[in-house]
């Protein structure tokens, strides 16, 4: 995938993950969450299923990016949870 495709996928995947987790934030935090989530999801997909984030129009890539973004948000909420 090209650089612009990664950015667009990260922005959309981060926004979807934030709506699933009911998190707040702007487009920049959605972009960062989605990009990190795409890398995490691609790594997990490659390790478990021998298929990573391959292309912009691949449903598998979108599921991995969104799943990775949700995982990143969940871990972040565990770390920053106030007692």
N, C-alpha and C. Protein backbone atom coordinates (compact mmCIF):
# COMPACT_ATOMS: atom_id res chain seq x y z
N UNK A 1 0.84 -1.18 0.00
CA UNK A 1 0.00 0.00 0.00
C UNK A 1 0.88 1.24 0.00
N UNK A 2 0.38 2.29 -0.59
CA UNK A 2 1.10 3.54 -0.62
C UNK A 2 0.94 4.33 0.66
N UNK A 3 1.72 5.36 0.78
CA UNK A 3 1.74 6.19 1.97
C UNK A 3 0.37 6.84 2.23
N UNK A 4 -0.25 7.37 1.19
CA UNK A 4 -1.55 8.03 1.34
C UNK A 4 -2.62 7.01 1.75
N UNK A 5 -2.55 5.80 1.20
CA UNK A 5 -3.50 4.76 1.55
C UNK A 5 -3.38 4.38 3.03
N UNK A 6 -2.14 4.30 3.53
CA UNK A 6 -1.93 3.99 4.95
C UNK A 6 -2.53 5.08 5.83
N UNK A 7 -2.34 6.33 5.44
CA UNK A 7 -2.86 7.45 6.23
C UNK A 7 -4.39 7.43 6.22
N UNK A 8 -4.98 7.23 5.07
CA UNK A 8 -6.43 7.20 4.96
C UNK A 8 -7.02 6.02 5.73
N UNK A 9 -6.42 4.85 5.59
CA UNK A 9 -6.89 3.68 6.32
C UNK A 9 -6.74 3.88 7.83
N UNK A 10 -5.63 4.46 8.25
CA UNK A 10 -5.42 4.72 9.68
C UNK A 10 -6.45 5.69 10.24
N UNK A 11 -6.76 6.73 9.49
CA UNK A 11 -7.75 7.71 9.93
C UNK A 11 -9.13 7.08 10.07
N UNK A 12 -9.54 6.31 9.09
CA UNK A 12 -10.86 5.69 9.12
C UNK A 12 -10.92 4.59 10.18
N UNK A 13 -9.89 3.74 10.24
CA UNK A 13 -9.88 2.65 11.23
C UNK A 13 -9.84 3.21 12.65
N UNK A 14 -9.08 4.27 12.86
CA UNK A 14 -9.03 4.89 14.19
C UNK A 14 -10.37 5.50 14.58
N UNK A 15 -11.05 6.13 13.63
CA UNK A 15 -12.36 6.72 13.92
C UNK A 15 -13.38 5.64 14.24
N UNK A 16 -13.36 4.53 13.49
CA UNK A 16 -14.28 3.43 13.76
C UNK A 16 -13.99 2.82 15.13
N UNK A 17 -12.72 2.60 15.44
CA UNK A 17 -12.34 2.03 16.73
C UNK A 17 -12.74 2.95 17.88
N UNK A 18 -12.58 4.25 17.70
CA UNK A 18 -12.97 5.19 18.74
C UNK A 18 -14.48 5.18 18.96
N UNK A 19 -15.25 5.02 17.90
CA UNK A 19 -16.70 4.96 18.07
C UNK A 19 -17.11 3.65 18.74
N UNK A 20 -16.41 2.55 18.45
CA UNK A 20 -16.70 1.28 19.10
C UNK A 20 -16.39 1.36 20.59
N UNK A 21 -15.26 1.96 20.94
CA UNK A 21 -14.84 2.05 22.34
C UNK A 21 -15.42 3.27 23.06
N UNK A 22 -16.20 4.08 22.34
CA UNK A 22 -16.81 5.29 22.90
C UNK A 22 -15.78 6.24 23.50
N UNK A 23 -14.69 6.43 22.75
CA UNK A 23 -13.62 7.35 23.14
C UNK A 23 -13.83 8.69 22.46
N UNK A 24 -13.29 9.72 23.05
CA UNK A 24 -13.36 11.06 22.47
C UNK A 24 -12.01 11.44 21.89
N UNK A 25 -12.02 12.45 21.07
CA UNK A 25 -10.77 12.93 20.50
C UNK A 25 -10.98 13.42 19.09
N UNK A 26 -9.99 14.08 18.58
CA UNK A 26 -10.06 14.66 17.25
C UNK A 26 -9.50 13.75 16.18
N UNK A 27 -9.33 14.33 15.00
CA UNK A 27 -8.89 13.55 13.86
C UNK A 27 -7.43 13.12 14.00
N UNK A 28 -6.61 13.91 14.68
CA UNK A 28 -5.21 13.55 14.83
C UNK A 28 -5.04 12.32 15.73
N UNK A 29 -5.79 12.28 16.82
CA UNK A 29 -5.71 11.12 17.69
C UNK A 29 -6.29 9.88 17.01
N UNK A 30 -7.32 10.07 16.17
CA UNK A 30 -7.86 8.95 15.40
C UNK A 30 -6.83 8.43 14.41
N UNK A 31 -6.10 9.34 13.78
CA UNK A 31 -5.07 8.95 12.82
C UNK A 31 -3.96 8.16 13.49
N UNK A 32 -3.46 8.67 14.61
CA UNK A 32 -2.38 7.98 15.33
C UNK A 32 -2.85 6.62 15.82
N UNK A 33 -4.06 6.57 16.39
CA UNK A 33 -4.62 5.30 16.86
C UNK A 33 -4.75 4.31 15.71
N UNK A 34 -5.26 4.77 14.58
CA UNK A 34 -5.44 3.89 13.44
C UNK A 34 -4.14 3.40 12.84
N UNK A 35 -3.14 4.27 12.76
CA UNK A 35 -1.85 3.85 12.21
C UNK A 35 -1.17 2.83 13.12
N UNK A 36 -1.17 3.10 14.41
CA UNK A 36 -0.58 2.14 15.36
C UNK A 36 -1.40 0.85 15.36
N UNK A 37 -2.72 0.99 15.32
CA UNK A 37 -3.59 -0.19 15.28
C UNK A 37 -3.39 -1.02 14.03
N UNK A 38 -3.15 -0.36 12.90
CA UNK A 38 -2.89 -1.10 11.67
C UNK A 38 -1.60 -1.91 11.74
N UNK A 39 -0.59 -1.32 12.34
CA UNK A 39 0.68 -2.04 12.51
C UNK A 39 0.50 -3.21 13.47
N UNK A 40 -0.17 -2.97 14.60
CA UNK A 40 -0.41 -4.03 15.58
C UNK A 40 -1.28 -5.13 14.98
N UNK A 41 -2.36 -4.73 14.33
CA UNK A 41 -3.25 -5.72 13.71
C UNK A 41 -2.56 -6.51 12.62
N UNK A 42 -1.74 -5.84 11.81
CA UNK A 42 -0.99 -6.53 10.77
C UNK A 42 0.01 -7.51 11.34
N UNK A 43 0.66 -7.12 12.44
CA UNK A 43 1.62 -8.01 13.08
C UNK A 43 0.92 -9.25 13.65
N UNK A 44 -0.21 -9.02 14.33
CA UNK A 44 -0.97 -10.15 14.90
C UNK A 44 -1.50 -11.05 13.79
N UNK A 45 -2.05 -10.44 12.73
CA UNK A 45 -2.55 -11.23 11.61
C UNK A 45 -1.46 -12.05 10.94
N UNK A 46 -0.28 -11.48 10.80
CA UNK A 46 0.83 -12.21 10.20
C UNK A 46 1.30 -13.35 11.09
N UNK A 47 1.32 -13.10 12.39
CA UNK A 47 1.79 -14.12 13.33
C UNK A 47 0.80 -15.27 13.47
N UNK A 48 -0.49 -14.96 13.50
CA UNK A 48 -1.49 -16.00 13.75
C UNK A 48 -2.04 -16.65 12.48
N UNK A 49 -2.23 -15.86 11.43
CA UNK A 49 -2.92 -16.34 10.24
C UNK A 49 -2.09 -16.30 8.97
N UNK A 50 -0.84 -15.90 9.05
CA UNK A 50 0.05 -15.73 7.89
C UNK A 50 -0.52 -14.77 6.86
N UNK A 51 -1.35 -13.82 7.30
CA UNK A 51 -1.89 -12.78 6.42
C UNK A 51 -1.91 -11.47 7.19
N UNK A 52 -1.25 -10.49 6.68
CA UNK A 52 -1.20 -9.19 7.33
C UNK A 52 -2.05 -8.18 6.59
N UNK A 53 -1.78 -6.91 6.83
CA UNK A 53 -2.45 -5.82 6.12
C UNK A 53 -1.81 -5.75 4.74
N UNK A 54 -2.61 -6.09 3.72
CA UNK A 54 -2.04 -6.24 2.37
C UNK A 54 -2.44 -5.14 1.41
N UNK A 55 -3.68 -4.70 1.45
CA UNK A 55 -4.12 -3.71 0.48
C UNK A 55 -5.28 -2.89 1.00
N UNK A 56 -5.48 -1.75 0.40
CA UNK A 56 -6.50 -0.82 0.86
C UNK A 56 -7.90 -1.38 0.66
N UNK A 57 -8.13 -2.11 -0.41
CA UNK A 57 -9.47 -2.61 -0.72
C UNK A 57 -9.70 -4.03 -0.22
N UNK A 58 -8.85 -4.52 0.64
CA UNK A 58 -8.98 -5.86 1.20
C UNK A 58 -9.77 -5.79 2.51
N UNK A 59 -10.85 -6.56 2.59
CA UNK A 59 -11.66 -6.61 3.82
C UNK A 59 -10.81 -7.10 4.99
N UNK A 60 -9.94 -8.07 4.73
CA UNK A 60 -9.06 -8.60 5.77
C UNK A 60 -8.18 -7.50 6.36
N UNK A 61 -7.65 -6.63 5.52
CA UNK A 61 -6.81 -5.53 5.99
C UNK A 61 -7.60 -4.58 6.87
N UNK A 62 -8.81 -4.27 6.48
CA UNK A 62 -9.66 -3.38 7.28
C UNK A 62 -10.00 -4.00 8.63
N UNK A 63 -10.33 -5.29 8.64
CA UNK A 63 -10.64 -5.95 9.91
C UNK A 63 -9.44 -5.97 10.84
N UNK A 64 -8.26 -6.23 10.29
CA UNK A 64 -7.05 -6.22 11.11
C UNK A 64 -6.74 -4.83 11.63
N UNK A 65 -6.89 -3.81 10.80
CA UNK A 65 -6.59 -2.44 11.22
C UNK A 65 -7.57 -1.97 12.30
N UNK A 66 -8.85 -2.26 12.13
CA UNK A 66 -9.85 -1.85 13.12
C UNK A 66 -9.67 -2.66 14.41
N UNK A 67 -9.45 -3.96 14.28
CA UNK A 67 -9.22 -4.79 15.47
C UNK A 67 -7.97 -4.37 16.22
N UNK A 68 -6.91 -4.07 15.50
CA UNK A 68 -5.69 -3.58 16.14
C UNK A 68 -5.90 -2.25 16.82
N UNK A 69 -6.69 -1.38 16.21
CA UNK A 69 -6.97 -0.07 16.80
C UNK A 69 -7.79 -0.20 18.07
N UNK A 70 -8.77 -1.10 18.06
CA UNK A 70 -9.56 -1.34 19.28
C UNK A 70 -8.66 -1.89 20.38
N UNK A 71 -7.76 -2.79 20.02
CA UNK A 71 -6.81 -3.35 21.00
C UNK A 71 -5.91 -2.26 21.57
N UNK A 72 -5.41 -1.38 20.72
CA UNK A 72 -4.56 -0.27 21.18
C UNK A 72 -5.33 0.63 22.13
N UNK A 73 -6.56 0.97 21.79
CA UNK A 73 -7.38 1.82 22.68
C UNK A 73 -7.67 1.13 24.01
N UNK A 74 -7.92 -0.18 23.97
CA UNK A 74 -8.20 -0.91 25.19
C UNK A 74 -6.98 -0.95 26.12
N UNK A 75 -5.81 -1.23 25.55
CA UNK A 75 -4.58 -1.25 26.35
C UNK A 75 -4.28 0.15 26.90
N UNK A 76 -4.49 1.17 26.07
CA UNK A 76 -4.26 2.54 26.52
C UNK A 76 -5.20 2.90 27.68
N UNK A 77 -6.45 2.45 27.60
CA UNK A 77 -7.38 2.75 28.70
C UNK A 77 -7.00 2.00 29.97
N UNK A 78 -6.43 0.81 29.84
CA UNK A 78 -5.96 0.08 31.02
C UNK A 78 -4.78 0.80 31.67
N UNK A 79 -3.90 1.34 30.86
CA UNK A 79 -2.71 2.01 31.38
C UNK A 79 -3.07 3.34 32.05
N UNK A 80 -3.98 4.08 31.46
CA UNK A 80 -4.30 5.42 31.96
C UNK A 80 -5.49 5.46 32.90
N UNK A 81 -6.03 4.32 33.27
CA UNK A 81 -7.19 4.28 34.16
C UNK A 81 -6.83 4.87 35.51
N UNK A 82 -7.69 5.72 35.99
CA UNK A 82 -7.48 6.35 37.31
C UNK A 82 -8.13 5.52 38.39
N UNK A 83 -7.48 5.48 39.54
CA UNK A 83 -7.99 4.66 40.65
C UNK A 83 -8.81 5.50 41.61
